[in-house]
Amino acid sequence: MNTHLYPHNTVVAAATAITSVDAVLGYMQPTEARPYNYAYEPPAGIAWENYAHDNREVRILDARHATAQSSIHHEGFELLDASSELRDFYDRDTIIRRYYPEVAALACSATGAKQAFVFDHLVRKREADRSKLGFGRSNKGIPATANGRVHNDYSEESGRKRLALVLGVKTAELNRNRYSIVNVWRSINGPVLDTPLAVCNARSIDVADLVCAEVRYPQRVGEIYLLRHSPRHCWSYFSQMNNHEALIFKQYDSQVSGVARFTPHAAFDHPYTPPDAPLRESIEARCLVIYE
């Protein structure tokens, strides 16, 4: 596996000359109830979600044209040149056996961590009819759709709980070192022209923007952050991401100051997507890293 950072201020040849786009991102409207989303078809009479959307047109910068390279510990995200030896991303056992070790090595290299544990992955594919972006649910083994809700995969509470879930309660109790949860996202079907992923600069987020929300699965309930809109939010994406690239971004950090802790993200409809562009296919892997 080839894993090195792009040189400072490099622009990949495939990228367009467009430095930013205006596009709609799916925030949430404030609500007094605790928000929830179902990740599977809910019981009869229960809504998929209990909050209203706040769709906002925002400026999304093409980070390939930024004057300085972003950092996972400062802005909360960075793009890596990290080709994978894997070609079939639809066989779960093969992904776990062959791709997880690549992700662990990549996560350690990018974050400076000493250990990495990949604990989950999700393959996504855009709907064939290019329908309106939603929560990104999967259905009976079918790849999950692109998630158009602005969200962060972990909250303060669920980020703390993840250590014990990955390492076991006893090991977690003995561990007093700093740890993070990072996502590694890549295209698995050539350059992404359809529904790219936007990431929000972690330093443009205020704690008041973050709203704890439930994600209800058949056997458990998880907790994520949804976001209220703020004009302070600074959004970026990397145009035409290809298979040899990986976007790594921070979802939780146990260090409470001085580093990026949460990096909200969402898929968006690119205004210049060709009508015959291939549907976006991607894989995201979640990884816990320990620094000492």
Protein backbone atom coordinates (compact mmCIF):
# COMPACT_ATOMS: atom_id res chain seq x y z
CA MET A 1 0.00 0.00 0.00
CA ASN A 2 1.32 3.44 -0.96
CA THR A 3 0.68 5.87 1.90
CA HIS A 4 2.11 9.37 1.77
CA LEU A 5 0.69 12.84 2.16
CA TYR A 6 0.21 14.97 -0.89
CA PRO A 7 3.01 17.55 -1.13
CA HIS A 8 2.09 21.01 0.09
CA ASN A 9 -0.13 22.96 -2.30
CA THR A 10 -0.38 20.17 -4.90
CA VAL A 11 -3.34 20.17 -7.30
CA VAL A 12 -4.23 16.77 -8.71
CA ALA A 13 -4.37 16.85 -12.50
CA ALA A 14 -7.90 15.43 -12.61
CA ALA A 15 -9.32 18.29 -10.54
CA THR A 16 -11.24 21.03 -12.27
CA ALA A 17 -10.32 24.72 -12.19
CA ILE A 18 -13.42 25.52 -10.13
CA THR A 19 -12.26 26.63 -6.68
CA SER A 20 -15.65 26.45 -4.93
CA VAL A 21 -19.29 25.60 -5.49
CA ASP A 22 -22.56 26.68 -3.92
CA ALA A 23 -24.62 23.67 -2.90
CA VAL A 24 -27.31 22.61 -0.44
CA LEU A 25 -26.42 20.82 2.80
CA GLY A 26 -28.98 19.21 5.08
CA TYR A 27 -28.91 20.72 8.57
CA MET A 28 -31.63 20.23 11.20
CA GLN A 29 -34.12 22.71 12.58
CA PRO A 30 -33.98 23.21 16.37
CA THR A 31 -36.40 21.00 18.25
CA GLU A 32 -37.28 20.48 21.90
CA ALA A 33 -37.57 16.71 21.47
CA ARG A 34 -34.52 14.48 21.40
CA PRO A 35 -33.93 13.87 17.67
CA TYR A 36 -33.78 10.35 16.30
CA ASN A 37 -33.28 8.54 13.01
CA TYR A 38 -34.11 4.94 12.25
CA ALA A 39 -31.40 3.02 10.43
CA TYR A 40 -33.94 0.34 9.50
CA GLU A 41 -37.64 0.38 8.65
CA PRO A 42 -39.36 1.52 11.86
CA PRO A 43 -42.36 -0.17 13.46
CA ALA A 44 -45.74 0.64 11.97
CA GLY A 45 -46.89 4.12 12.85
CA ILE A 46 -43.42 5.38 13.79
CA ALA A 47 -41.73 8.01 11.64
CA TRP A 48 -38.24 7.46 10.22
CA GLU A 49 -37.15 10.62 12.04
CA ASN A 50 -38.74 13.20 14.31
CA TYR A 51 -37.18 16.49 13.31
CA ALA A 52 -37.50 18.95 10.45
CA HIS A 53 -34.74 19.59 7.95
CA ASP A 54 -33.04 22.91 7.45
CA ASN A 55 -31.59 22.79 3.95
CA ARG A 56 -29.08 25.59 3.45
CA GLU A 57 -27.13 26.69 0.42
CA VAL A 58 -23.52 27.08 1.48
CA ARG A 59 -20.18 27.78 -0.17
CA ILE A 60 -18.04 24.61 -0.35
CA LEU A 61 -14.38 25.18 -1.17
CA ASP A 62 -12.41 22.76 -3.31
CA ALA A 63 -9.56 21.96 -0.92
CA ARG A 64 -7.31 20.98 -3.81
CA HIS A 65 -6.93 24.70 -4.44
CA ALA A 66 -6.29 25.71 -0.82
CA THR A 67 -3.17 27.72 -0.13
CA ALA A 68 -2.21 25.35 2.70
CA GLN A 69 -2.80 21.65 3.20
CA SER A 70 -5.36 20.75 5.84
CA SER A 71 -4.39 18.64 8.84
CA ILE A 72 -6.39 16.02 10.70
CA HIS A 73 -5.40 17.53 14.06
CA HIS A 74 -6.04 21.16 13.06
CA GLU A 75 -8.92 21.37 10.56
CA GLY A 76 -9.95 17.78 11.32
CA PHE A 77 -9.34 16.27 7.87
CA GLU A 78 -6.70 15.66 5.24
CA LEU A 79 -6.35 13.92 1.91
CA LEU A 80 -3.80 11.14 1.52
CA ASP A 81 -2.33 9.42 -1.48
CA ALA A 82 -3.06 5.90 -0.28
CA SER A 83 -3.74 3.30 -2.94
CA SER A 84 -5.23 0.00 -1.83
CA GLU A 85 -4.31 -3.47 -3.04
CA LEU A 86 -7.96 -4.50 -2.71
CA ARG A 87 -10.15 -4.42 -5.81
CA ASP A 88 -13.39 -6.06 -4.62
CA PHE A 89 -15.03 -3.88 -1.98
CA TYR A 90 -18.28 -5.82 -1.87
CA ASP A 91 -17.09 -8.96 -0.05
CA ARG A 92 -17.23 -8.34 3.69
CA ASP A 93 -14.79 -11.07 4.71
CA THR A 94 -12.22 -9.91 2.19
CA ILE A 95 -12.57 -6.31 3.35
CA ILE A 96 -11.99 -7.31 6.97
CA ARG A 97 -9.06 -9.58 6.16
CA ARG A 98 -7.24 -7.43 3.61
CA TYR A 99 -8.50 -3.85 3.81
CA TYR A 100 -8.68 -3.39 7.59
CA PRO A 101 -4.88 -3.78 8.02
CA GLU A 102 -4.33 -1.15 5.32
CA VAL A 103 -6.69 1.26 7.09
CA ALA A 104 -5.01 0.67 10.47
CA ALA A 105 -1.57 1.42 9.03
CA LEU A 106 -2.90 4.50 7.25
CA ALA A 107 -4.60 5.81 10.39
CA CYS A 108 -1.43 5.46 12.46
CA SER A 109 0.66 7.17 9.79
CA ALA A 110 -1.72 10.10 9.41
CA THR A 111 -2.45 10.71 13.11
CA GLY A 112 0.87 9.75 14.69
CA ALA A 113 -0.87 7.12 16.82
CA LYS A 114 0.90 3.98 18.03
CA GLN A 115 -1.99 1.53 17.64
CA ALA A 116 -5.10 1.36 15.49
CA PHE A 117 -8.18 -0.87 15.62
CA VAL A 118 -10.59 -0.88 12.68
CA PHE A 119 -14.00 -1.82 14.05
CA ASP A 120 -16.54 -1.07 11.33
CA HIS A 121 -17.02 -0.22 7.67
CA LEU A 122 -19.84 0.77 5.36
CA VAL A 123 -20.09 0.58 1.59
CA ARG A 124 -22.29 3.24 0.01
CA LYS A 125 -23.80 3.59 -3.46
CA ARG A 126 -25.94 6.44 -4.76
CA GLU A 127 -29.49 5.56 -5.73
CA ALA A 128 -29.93 4.86 -9.43
CA ASP A 129 -32.63 7.54 -9.78
CA ARG A 130 -30.40 10.15 -8.07
CA SER A 131 -33.26 10.90 -5.71
CA LYS A 132 -33.03 13.48 -2.96
CA LEU A 133 -30.27 12.81 -0.46
CA GLY A 134 -31.45 11.37 2.85
CA PHE A 135 -30.04 9.79 5.98
CA GLY A 136 -28.10 7.14 4.04
CA ARG A 137 -29.85 4.00 5.21
CA SER A 138 -29.01 0.49 4.04
CA ASN A 139 -31.62 -2.18 3.35
CA LYS A 140 -31.25 -5.97 3.64
CA GLY A 141 -27.66 -6.17 2.53
CA ILE A 142 -27.97 -3.53 -0.19
CA PRO A 143 -25.21 -0.89 0.10
CA ALA A 144 -26.16 2.18 2.08
CA THR A 145 -27.11 5.29 0.14
CA ALA A 146 -25.20 8.56 0.34
CA ASN A 147 -25.88 10.40 3.60
CA GLY A 148 -27.00 13.96 2.94
CA ARG A 149 -27.56 14.95 6.58
CA VAL A 150 -24.91 17.09 8.23
CA HIS A 151 -23.71 14.93 11.09
CA ASN A 152 -20.77 13.67 13.14
CA ASP A 153 -20.64 9.92 13.75
CA TYR A 154 -19.90 10.24 17.48
CA SER A 155 -20.98 12.49 20.31
CA GLU A 156 -19.00 13.18 23.46
CA GLU A 157 -20.76 10.32 25.22
CA SER A 158 -20.66 7.73 22.44
CA GLY A 159 -17.02 8.62 21.72
CA ARG A 160 -16.12 7.79 25.32
CA LYS A 161 -18.07 4.54 25.20
CA ARG A 162 -16.41 3.36 21.98
CA LEU A 163 -13.07 2.67 23.73
CA ALA A 164 -14.60 -0.06 25.90
CA LEU A 165 -16.61 -1.46 23.00
CA VAL A 166 -13.46 -1.89 20.92
CA LEU A 167 -10.92 -2.91 23.57
CA GLY A 168 -13.15 -4.52 26.19
CA VAL A 169 -14.15 -3.00 29.52
CA LYS A 170 -11.14 -4.17 31.53
CA THR A 171 -8.59 -3.04 28.95
CA ALA A 172 -10.35 0.29 28.57
CA GLU A 173 -10.28 0.86 32.33
CA LEU A 174 -6.51 0.39 32.32
CA ASN A 175 -6.02 2.74 29.38
CA ARG A 176 -5.54 6.36 30.36
CA ASN A 177 -3.95 7.44 27.11
CA ARG A 178 -5.33 9.79 24.52
CA TYR A 179 -7.33 8.16 21.72
CA SER A 180 -9.31 9.22 18.68
CA ILE A 181 -11.90 7.81 16.32
CA VAL A 182 -11.22 8.54 12.66
CA ASN A 183 -13.02 7.74 9.41
CA VAL A 184 -11.15 6.72 6.27
CA TRP A 185 -13.25 7.40 3.15
CA ARG A 186 -12.41 6.45 -0.44
CA SER A 187 -14.02 6.07 -3.83
CA ILE A 188 -14.28 2.51 -5.15
CA ASN A 189 -15.60 3.37 -8.62
CA GLY A 190 -13.24 5.88 -10.19
CA PRO A 191 -13.35 9.67 -9.86
CA VAL A 192 -16.25 10.94 -7.75
CA LEU A 193 -18.37 13.21 -9.92
CA ASP A 194 -21.67 12.41 -8.22
CA THR A 195 -22.47 13.35 -4.58
CA PRO A 196 -18.97 14.05 -3.24
CA LEU A 197 -18.35 14.26 0.49
CA ALA A 198 -18.08 17.66 2.17
CA VAL A 199 -16.27 18.09 5.48
CA CYS A 200 -16.57 20.98 7.91
CA ASN A 201 -13.49 22.62 9.42
CA ALA A 202 -13.56 21.47 13.05
CA ARG A 203 -12.37 24.89 14.22
CA SER A 204 -15.44 26.58 12.74
CA ILE A 205 -17.79 24.52 14.95
CA ASP A 206 -19.18 25.79 18.23
CA VAL A 207 -20.44 23.41 20.91
CA ALA A 208 -23.86 25.06 20.63
CA ASP A 209 -24.10 23.86 17.02
CA LEU A 210 -23.97 20.19 18.04
CA VAL A 211 -27.21 18.37 18.84
CA CYS A 212 -27.20 14.87 20.36
CA ALA A 213 -29.39 12.53 18.33
CA GLU A 214 -30.24 8.84 18.44
CA VAL A 215 -29.63 6.40 15.63
CA ARG A 216 -31.92 3.44 16.21
CA TYR A 217 -30.71 0.05 15.00
CA PRO A 218 -32.55 -3.28 15.39
CA GLN A 219 -30.51 -4.33 18.44
CA ARG A 220 -29.11 -1.09 19.85
CA VAL A 221 -29.32 2.69 19.94
CA GLY A 222 -26.33 4.80 18.98
CA GLU A 223 -25.71 8.49 19.52
CA ILE A 224 -24.39 11.00 16.97
CA TYR A 225 -24.35 14.75 16.55
CA LEU A 226 -26.66 16.49 14.12
CA LEU A 227 -25.96 20.14 13.49
CA ARG A 228 -27.76 23.46 13.61
CA HIS A 229 -26.75 25.78 10.82
CA SER A 230 -24.26 28.53 11.48
CA PRO A 231 -22.76 31.01 8.99
CA ARG A 232 -19.40 30.39 10.70
CA HIS A 233 -19.13 26.86 9.32
CA CYS A 234 -16.34 26.44 6.77
CA TRP A 235 -16.96 23.61 4.30
CA SER A 236 -14.55 21.87 1.93
CA TYR A 237 -14.43 18.94 -0.44
CA PHE A 238 -11.82 17.37 -2.71
CA SER A 239 -12.92 17.36 -6.33
CA GLN A 240 -12.93 14.14 -8.32
CA MET A 241 -11.49 11.92 -5.60
CA ASN A 242 -10.15 8.73 -7.18
CA ASN A 243 -9.53 5.21 -5.93
CA HIS A 244 -5.90 5.83 -5.00
CA GLU A 245 -6.88 8.59 -2.57
CA ALA A 246 -8.21 8.41 0.97
CA LEU A 247 -9.85 11.16 2.99
CA ILE A 248 -9.22 10.76 6.70
CA PHE A 249 -11.23 12.86 9.15
CA LYS A 250 -11.64 13.07 12.91
CA GLN A 251 -14.89 11.97 14.55
CA TYR A 252 -13.82 12.10 18.20
CA ASP A 253 -10.73 12.94 20.24
CA SER A 254 -10.42 12.33 23.97
CA GLN A 255 -8.11 15.35 24.22
CA VAL A 256 -10.47 18.19 25.03
CA SER A 257 -8.44 21.17 23.85
CA GLY A 258 -5.82 22.14 21.29
CA VAL A 259 -6.85 19.64 18.59
CA ALA A 260 -9.75 19.01 16.22
CA ARG A 261 -12.30 16.81 17.98
CA PHE A 262 -15.37 16.59 15.71
CA THR A 263 -15.53 16.94 11.92
CA PRO A 264 -19.13 17.11 10.67
CA HIS A 265 -19.67 15.91 7.12
CA ALA A 266 -22.36 15.24 4.51
CA ALA A 267 -22.77 14.21 0.90
CA PHE A 268 -24.03 16.90 -1.45
CA ASP A 269 -25.34 17.24 -4.97
CA HIS A 270 -22.58 18.87 -6.97
CA PRO A 271 -24.13 21.51 -9.23
CA TYR A 272 -21.88 20.56 -12.16
CA THR A 273 -22.35 16.80 -12.08
CA PRO A 274 -22.76 15.52 -15.66
CA PRO A 275 -26.16 13.83 -16.12
CA ASP A 276 -24.46 10.61 -17.25
CA ALA A 277 -21.85 10.57 -14.46
CA PRO A 278 -21.33 7.17 -12.84
CA LEU A 279 -23.11 6.77 -9.51
CA ARG A 280 -20.82 7.40 -6.59
CA GLU A 281 -19.60 4.24 -4.85
CA SER A 282 -17.50 4.55 -1.73
CA ILE A 283 -16.31 2.79 1.39
CA GLU A 284 -15.79 4.33 4.79
CA ALA A 285 -13.97 2.53 7.58
CA ARG A 286 -14.05 3.58 11.23
CA CYS A 287 -10.92 3.23 13.28
CA LEU A 288 -9.94 3.79 16.92
CA VAL A 289 -6.36 5.00 17.36
CA ILE A 290 -4.33 5.16 20.56
CA TYR A 291 -1.42 7.57 20.79
CA GLU A 292 0.82 6.01 23.45
